[in-house]
Amino acid sequence: CEDLFARLAKTRVDLRTSLPFLQGSPDHHPEHQEQRRGDGRLRVRAGQVMEICGTNDTCKTECLLQAAATCVLPKSCGGCASNAIFMEMRSGLDPLRLVQILDSRIRRCQSSSSSGSQLLEESLRRFELVRCYNNVDLVCALKALEQREREEEAAAPSSQERPRRRLVLVDDISAFYWIDKSFDGGPGSAPRRRPADRPYGLQGVYEAIASNLRRSAEALGAAVLATRNLQIPPGGDPTKLGAPLPKAWQDLVSQRVVLRLPNPSANALVASWDLPKKPGTSFRFAVRDDSLEALA
């Protein structure tokens, strides 16, 4: 019976992220009254993906870092005290930015008896960074992640004895889209010859990513946040999402938000929901030293 309840608990994820455009239930802990507005709970089935889309100037990676910081921080500092795994695809992540966010939030904690350096070290130990230099690296990393979880589960059947990895972050899922698409050949050209037992191309690689990401996240009982870069020419329609990713990936995405920066000088971002559609609904927010602040 306990095993059944444990499996059921892993199928649903209710995770605090501090992303202001996620309008979840407020935090009812009195010590976190000031964080209610930016609580931003993510509620999905384990293995489902929330996709954050936007151009290069819309702070997508910053959103992932803020969610990761909330995940790894101890509960005394408004976090989840869980592990986060960050799959970096663009080699542009600055780890010191995560340290800055964590340090600033820890300094705001007034009720904790532990020292700030201890809390910072404890939080950083919960953060795992994986650098992927192509989509094959990502597939291999996901396979290894699932295998590690299976081995840890066999070695320590009790979930309390294993690290809780509740959040998987991918930045960015479209980084190698055009490289993989080139294996399919251009318009009107014949597909490249390749061994029948080793097919490689846009559809195949995203099918492998979607399949392995779903299995890994389900094994972990984790939610997935992924960014996707949009290539919009100057003067183009910001609501257009550009070239669609293959169907295998689209089927995995249960929520999608599109970020825009209407006025670069104003430093105010706008988030609009694309999946599920919420016409006329948008959220304005700005990046601060240690958080994303919701604007009126």
Protein backbone atom coordinates (compact mmCIF):
# COMPACT_ATOMS: atom_id res chain seq x y z
CA CYS A 1 0.00 0.00 0.00
CA GLU A 2 2.86 2.38 0.83
CA ASP A 3 4.49 1.61 -2.53
CA LEU A 4 1.23 2.46 -4.30
CA PHE A 5 0.92 5.80 -2.52
CA ALA A 6 4.58 6.56 -3.27
CA ARG A 7 4.00 5.89 -6.98
CA LEU A 8 0.87 8.04 -7.03
CA ALA A 9 2.70 10.88 -5.27
CA LYS A 10 5.41 10.82 -7.95
CA THR A 11 2.87 11.23 -10.77
CA ARG A 12 1.90 14.76 -9.70
CA VAL A 13 4.27 17.64 -9.04
CA ASP A 14 3.29 20.76 -7.08
CA LEU A 15 6.41 22.87 -6.89
CA ARG A 16 7.11 26.44 -5.82
CA THR A 17 9.12 28.28 -8.51
CA SER A 18 8.80 32.02 -7.67
CA LEU A 19 7.96 32.73 -11.34
CA PRO A 20 5.41 35.57 -11.20
CA PHE A 21 3.53 34.51 -14.34
CA LEU A 22 2.62 31.19 -12.70
CA GLN A 23 -0.52 32.08 -10.77
CA GLY A 24 -0.71 29.29 -8.21
CA SER A 25 -2.15 28.98 -4.75
CA PRO A 26 -0.54 31.28 -2.16
CA ASP A 27 1.95 30.07 0.40
CA HIS A 28 0.08 29.75 3.67
CA HIS A 29 3.16 29.68 5.92
CA PRO A 30 3.12 32.86 8.01
CA GLU A 31 6.89 33.27 7.80
CA HIS A 32 6.61 33.63 4.01
CA GLN A 33 3.86 36.24 3.88
CA GLU A 34 6.00 38.59 1.80
CA GLN A 35 6.47 35.93 -0.92
CA ARG A 36 2.83 35.16 -1.55
CA ARG A 37 2.48 37.27 -4.66
CA GLY A 38 5.50 35.69 -6.35
CA ASP A 39 4.87 32.14 -5.11
CA GLY A 40 4.37 30.82 -8.65
CA ARG A 41 3.50 27.18 -8.09
CA LEU A 42 4.00 24.82 -11.01
CA ARG A 43 1.44 22.00 -11.11
CA VAL A 44 2.02 19.32 -13.74
CA ARG A 45 2.22 15.57 -14.08
CA ALA A 46 5.73 14.23 -13.69
CA GLY A 47 7.33 14.12 -17.13
CA GLN A 48 5.30 16.98 -18.59
CA VAL A 49 7.10 20.10 -19.77
CA MET A 50 6.45 23.77 -19.25
CA GLU A 51 8.07 25.66 -22.14
CA ILE A 52 9.29 29.24 -21.79
CA CYS A 53 9.72 30.87 -25.21
CA GLY A 54 11.25 34.18 -26.18
CA THR A 55 13.99 35.98 -28.07
CA ASN A 56 17.54 36.37 -26.79
CA ASP A 57 16.72 39.50 -24.76
CA THR A 58 13.82 38.09 -22.71
CA CYS A 59 15.73 36.62 -19.71
CA LYS A 60 14.68 33.00 -20.25
CA THR A 61 17.79 31.61 -18.55
CA GLU A 62 17.19 34.01 -15.64
CA CYS A 63 13.72 32.47 -15.19
CA LEU A 64 15.27 29.00 -14.97
CA LEU A 65 17.87 30.18 -12.44
CA GLN A 66 15.19 31.78 -10.27
CA ALA A 67 13.17 28.55 -10.32
CA ALA A 68 16.30 26.51 -9.55
CA ALA A 69 17.18 28.79 -6.63
CA THR A 70 13.71 28.38 -5.12
CA CYS A 71 13.96 24.61 -5.55
CA VAL A 72 17.36 24.19 -3.83
CA LEU A 73 16.98 26.72 -1.01
CA PRO A 74 16.07 25.32 2.42
CA LYS A 75 12.47 25.66 3.54
CA SER A 76 13.52 28.16 6.19
CA CYS A 77 14.39 30.54 3.35
CA GLY A 78 11.21 29.95 1.35
CA GLY A 79 12.64 27.16 -0.80
CA CYS A 80 11.74 23.53 -1.41
CA ALA A 81 14.93 21.87 -0.10
CA SER A 82 15.00 19.67 -3.22
CA ASN A 83 17.57 18.95 -5.90
CA ALA A 84 17.48 20.65 -9.31
CA ILE A 85 19.24 19.43 -12.46
CA PHE A 86 20.18 22.08 -15.03
CA MET A 87 20.86 20.84 -18.60
CA GLU A 88 22.75 23.64 -20.34
CA MET A 89 22.73 23.59 -24.14
CA ARG A 90 24.13 27.00 -25.05
CA SER A 91 27.29 27.25 -22.88
CA GLY A 92 26.19 30.69 -21.74
CA LEU A 93 25.26 30.05 -18.12
CA ASP A 94 27.04 32.12 -15.49
CA PRO A 95 27.07 30.01 -12.27
CA LEU A 96 27.96 33.12 -10.26
CA ARG A 97 24.51 34.49 -11.05
CA LEU A 98 22.97 31.55 -9.22
CA VAL A 99 25.30 32.16 -6.28
CA GLN A 100 24.23 35.83 -6.25
CA ILE A 101 20.53 34.91 -6.19
CA LEU A 102 21.00 32.36 -3.43
CA ASP A 103 23.20 34.65 -1.33
CA SER A 104 20.73 37.55 -1.59
CA ARG A 105 17.76 35.39 -0.62
CA ILE A 106 19.62 33.79 2.29
CA ARG A 107 20.57 37.23 3.63
CA ARG A 108 16.87 38.11 3.74
CA CYS A 109 16.17 35.12 6.03
CA GLN A 110 15.83 36.39 9.56
CA SER A 111 14.52 33.26 11.27
CA SER A 112 17.26 30.79 10.36
CA SER A 113 19.75 29.74 13.06
CA SER A 114 22.32 28.44 10.53
CA SER A 115 25.02 30.69 9.16
CA GLY A 116 24.65 32.14 5.70
CA SER A 117 27.69 30.30 4.34
CA GLN A 118 26.33 26.96 5.57
CA LEU A 119 22.95 27.56 3.95
CA LEU A 120 24.62 28.65 0.71
CA GLU A 121 26.82 25.55 0.61
CA GLU A 122 23.84 23.34 1.43
CA SER A 123 21.82 24.90 -1.39
CA LEU A 124 24.61 24.62 -3.96
CA ARG A 125 25.06 20.92 -3.17
CA ARG A 126 21.47 20.41 -4.35
CA PHE A 127 22.19 22.00 -7.73
CA GLU A 128 23.55 19.81 -10.54
CA LEU A 129 24.85 21.31 -13.79
CA VAL A 130 25.16 19.21 -16.95
CA ARG A 131 26.69 20.79 -20.06
CA CYS A 132 25.48 19.35 -23.39
CA TYR A 133 27.27 20.31 -26.61
CA ASN A 134 24.72 18.73 -28.95
CA ASN A 135 21.40 16.93 -28.75
CA VAL A 136 23.09 13.53 -28.54
CA ASP A 137 24.78 14.70 -25.34
CA LEU A 138 21.34 15.60 -23.98
CA VAL A 139 19.92 12.17 -24.82
CA CYS A 140 22.90 10.45 -23.16
CA ALA A 141 22.61 12.67 -20.06
CA LEU A 142 18.91 11.83 -19.73
CA LYS A 143 19.59 8.10 -20.08
CA ALA A 144 22.29 8.34 -17.40
CA LEU A 145 19.95 10.32 -15.14
CA GLU A 146 17.24 7.66 -15.35
CA GLN A 147 19.76 4.87 -14.76
CA ARG A 148 21.20 6.64 -11.72
CA GLU A 149 17.75 7.06 -10.22
CA ARG A 150 16.98 3.35 -10.76
CA GLU A 151 20.25 2.34 -9.09
CA GLU A 152 19.69 4.68 -6.14
CA GLU A 153 16.13 3.39 -5.75
CA ALA A 154 17.40 -0.20 -5.66
CA ALA A 155 20.11 0.67 -3.13
CA ALA A 156 17.79 2.73 -0.90
CA PRO A 157 14.12 1.71 -1.37
CA SER A 158 12.92 4.36 1.08
CA SER A 159 12.44 7.72 -0.65
CA GLN A 160 13.57 9.50 2.52
CA GLU A 161 17.06 8.03 2.11
CA ARG A 162 17.52 9.33 -1.45
CA PRO A 163 18.01 12.89 -2.75
CA ARG A 164 14.77 14.40 -4.03
CA ARG A 165 15.27 15.68 -7.56
CA ARG A 166 12.03 17.54 -8.23
CA LEU A 167 13.02 19.89 -11.04
CA VAL A 168 14.75 19.32 -14.39
CA LEU A 169 15.68 22.43 -16.37
CA VAL A 170 16.72 22.48 -20.05
CA ASP A 171 18.24 25.64 -21.58
CA ASP A 172 17.58 25.71 -24.53
CA ILE A 173 15.77 22.87 -26.31
CA SER A 174 16.07 24.50 -29.75
CA ALA A 175 19.83 25.19 -29.54
CA PHE A 176 20.74 22.59 -32.19
CA TYR A 177 17.49 22.60 -34.18
CA TRP A 178 19.00 23.82 -37.44
CA ILE A 179 22.05 21.55 -37.18
CA ASP A 180 19.83 18.50 -36.79
CA LYS A 181 17.50 19.72 -39.51
CA SER A 182 20.43 19.87 -41.93
CA PHE A 183 20.68 16.07 -41.76
CA ASP A 184 17.27 15.86 -43.44
CA GLY A 185 18.45 17.84 -46.47
CA GLY A 186 17.10 21.09 -47.80
CA PRO A 187 13.82 21.70 -49.68
CA GLY A 188 13.65 19.59 -52.83
CA SER A 189 16.80 17.64 -52.02
CA ALA A 190 17.01 13.93 -51.37
CA PRO A 191 17.57 12.92 -47.73
CA ARG A 192 21.14 12.08 -46.88
CA ARG A 193 22.06 8.41 -46.98
CA ARG A 194 22.61 6.91 -43.58
CA PRO A 195 22.67 3.36 -42.17
CA ALA A 196 19.21 1.92 -41.62
CA ASP A 197 20.07 0.89 -38.08
CA ARG A 198 21.42 4.34 -37.13
CA PRO A 199 18.91 6.93 -38.35
CA TYR A 200 19.72 10.49 -37.41
CA GLY A 201 17.72 13.55 -38.24
CA LEU A 202 15.42 16.16 -36.80
CA GLN A 203 12.46 13.86 -36.10
CA GLY A 204 14.54 11.03 -34.72
CA VAL A 205 16.60 13.11 -32.34
CA TYR A 206 13.59 14.95 -30.86
CA GLU A 207 11.73 11.66 -30.48
CA ALA A 208 14.71 10.36 -28.49
CA ILE A 209 14.84 13.55 -26.39
CA ALA A 210 11.11 13.48 -25.65
CA SER A 211 11.07 9.77 -24.81
CA ASN A 212 14.11 9.88 -22.51
CA LEU A 213 13.07 13.15 -20.86
CA ARG A 214 9.65 11.75 -20.05
CA ARG A 215 11.04 8.53 -18.61
CA SER A 216 13.69 10.33 -16.57
CA ALA A 217 11.27 12.87 -15.13
CA GLU A 218 8.71 10.18 -14.33
CA ALA A 219 11.37 8.12 -12.56
CA LEU A 220 12.38 11.18 -10.54
CA GLY A 221 8.86 12.42 -9.97
CA ALA A 222 10.07 15.78 -11.32
CA ALA A 223 8.63 18.70 -13.24
CA VAL A 224 10.44 19.96 -16.34
CA LEU A 225 11.06 23.59 -17.30
CA ALA A 226 12.56 24.14 -20.75
CA THR A 227 13.41 27.30 -22.65
CA ARG A 228 13.10 27.73 -26.39
CA ASN A 229 14.73 30.52 -28.34
CA LEU A 230 12.63 32.35 -30.94
CA GLN A 231 14.20 33.86 -34.02
CA ILE A 232 12.01 36.88 -34.83
CA PRO A 233 13.34 39.39 -37.39
CA PRO A 234 13.18 43.13 -36.60
CA GLY A 235 9.62 44.30 -37.04
CA GLY A 236 8.33 40.72 -37.07
CA ASP A 237 5.23 39.51 -35.27
CA PRO A 238 6.26 38.69 -31.66
CA THR A 239 3.32 36.30 -31.30
CA LYS A 240 4.73 33.97 -33.96
CA LEU A 241 6.69 31.08 -32.50
CA GLY A 242 8.88 30.47 -35.53
CA ALA A 243 9.69 27.00 -36.86
CA PRO A 244 7.74 24.41 -34.83
CA LEU A 245 9.67 21.68 -33.07
CA PRO A 246 8.79 18.10 -34.04
CA LYS A 247 5.50 16.60 -32.85
CA ALA A 248 7.21 14.29 -30.35
CA TRP A 249 8.35 17.36 -28.39
CA GLN A 250 5.07 19.25 -28.80
CA ASP A 251 3.17 16.30 -27.32
CA LEU A 252 5.33 16.55 -24.20
CA VAL A 253 4.60 20.25 -23.61
CA SER A 254 1.56 20.86 -21.41
CA GLN A 255 2.14 24.58 -20.73
CA ARG A 256 3.81 27.28 -22.79
CA VAL A 257 4.45 30.93 -21.98
CA VAL A 258 5.90 33.49 -24.40
CA LEU A 259 8.09 36.31 -23.07
CA ARG A 260 8.44 39.69 -24.78
CA LEU A 261 10.41 42.87 -24.10
CA PRO A 262 8.20 45.58 -25.64
CA ASN A 263 10.41 48.48 -24.55
CA PRO A 264 14.08 47.64 -23.81
CA SER A 265 14.61 50.94 -22.01
CA ALA A 266 11.77 50.19 -19.56
CA ASN A 267 13.28 46.87 -18.39
CA ALA A 268 9.79 45.35 -18.06
CA LEU A 269 9.06 41.93 -19.54
CA VAL A 270 5.63 40.71 -20.60
CA ALA A 271 4.58 37.06 -20.31
CA SER A 272 1.62 35.75 -22.32
CA TRP A 273 0.15 32.26 -22.20
CA ASP A 274 0.19 30.30 -25.46
CA LEU A 275 -0.72 26.90 -23.97
CA PRO A 276 -3.33 26.83 -22.64
CA LYS A 277 -4.55 29.87 -24.53
CA LYS A 278 -5.54 32.80 -22.32
CA PRO A 279 -6.48 35.61 -24.73
CA GLY A 280 -6.01 39.08 -23.35
CA THR A 281 -4.12 37.84 -20.30
CA SER A 282 -0.54 38.96 -19.78
CA PHE A 283 1.78 39.47 -16.83
CA ARG A 284 4.41 42.19 -16.47
CA PHE A 285 7.52 41.57 -14.41
CA ALA A 286 11.07 42.81 -13.98
CA VAL A 287 14.37 41.16 -13.03
CA ARG A 288 15.74 42.24 -9.64
CA ASP A 289 18.91 41.24 -7.80
CA ASP A 290 17.41 38.14 -6.21
CA SER A 291 13.96 37.67 -7.71
CA LEU A 292 11.50 38.35 -10.50
CA GLU A 293 9.17 41.15 -9.36
CA ALA A 294 5.58 41.24 -10.58
CA LEU A 295 4.56 44.67 -11.88
CA ALA A 296 1.13 46.22 -11.87
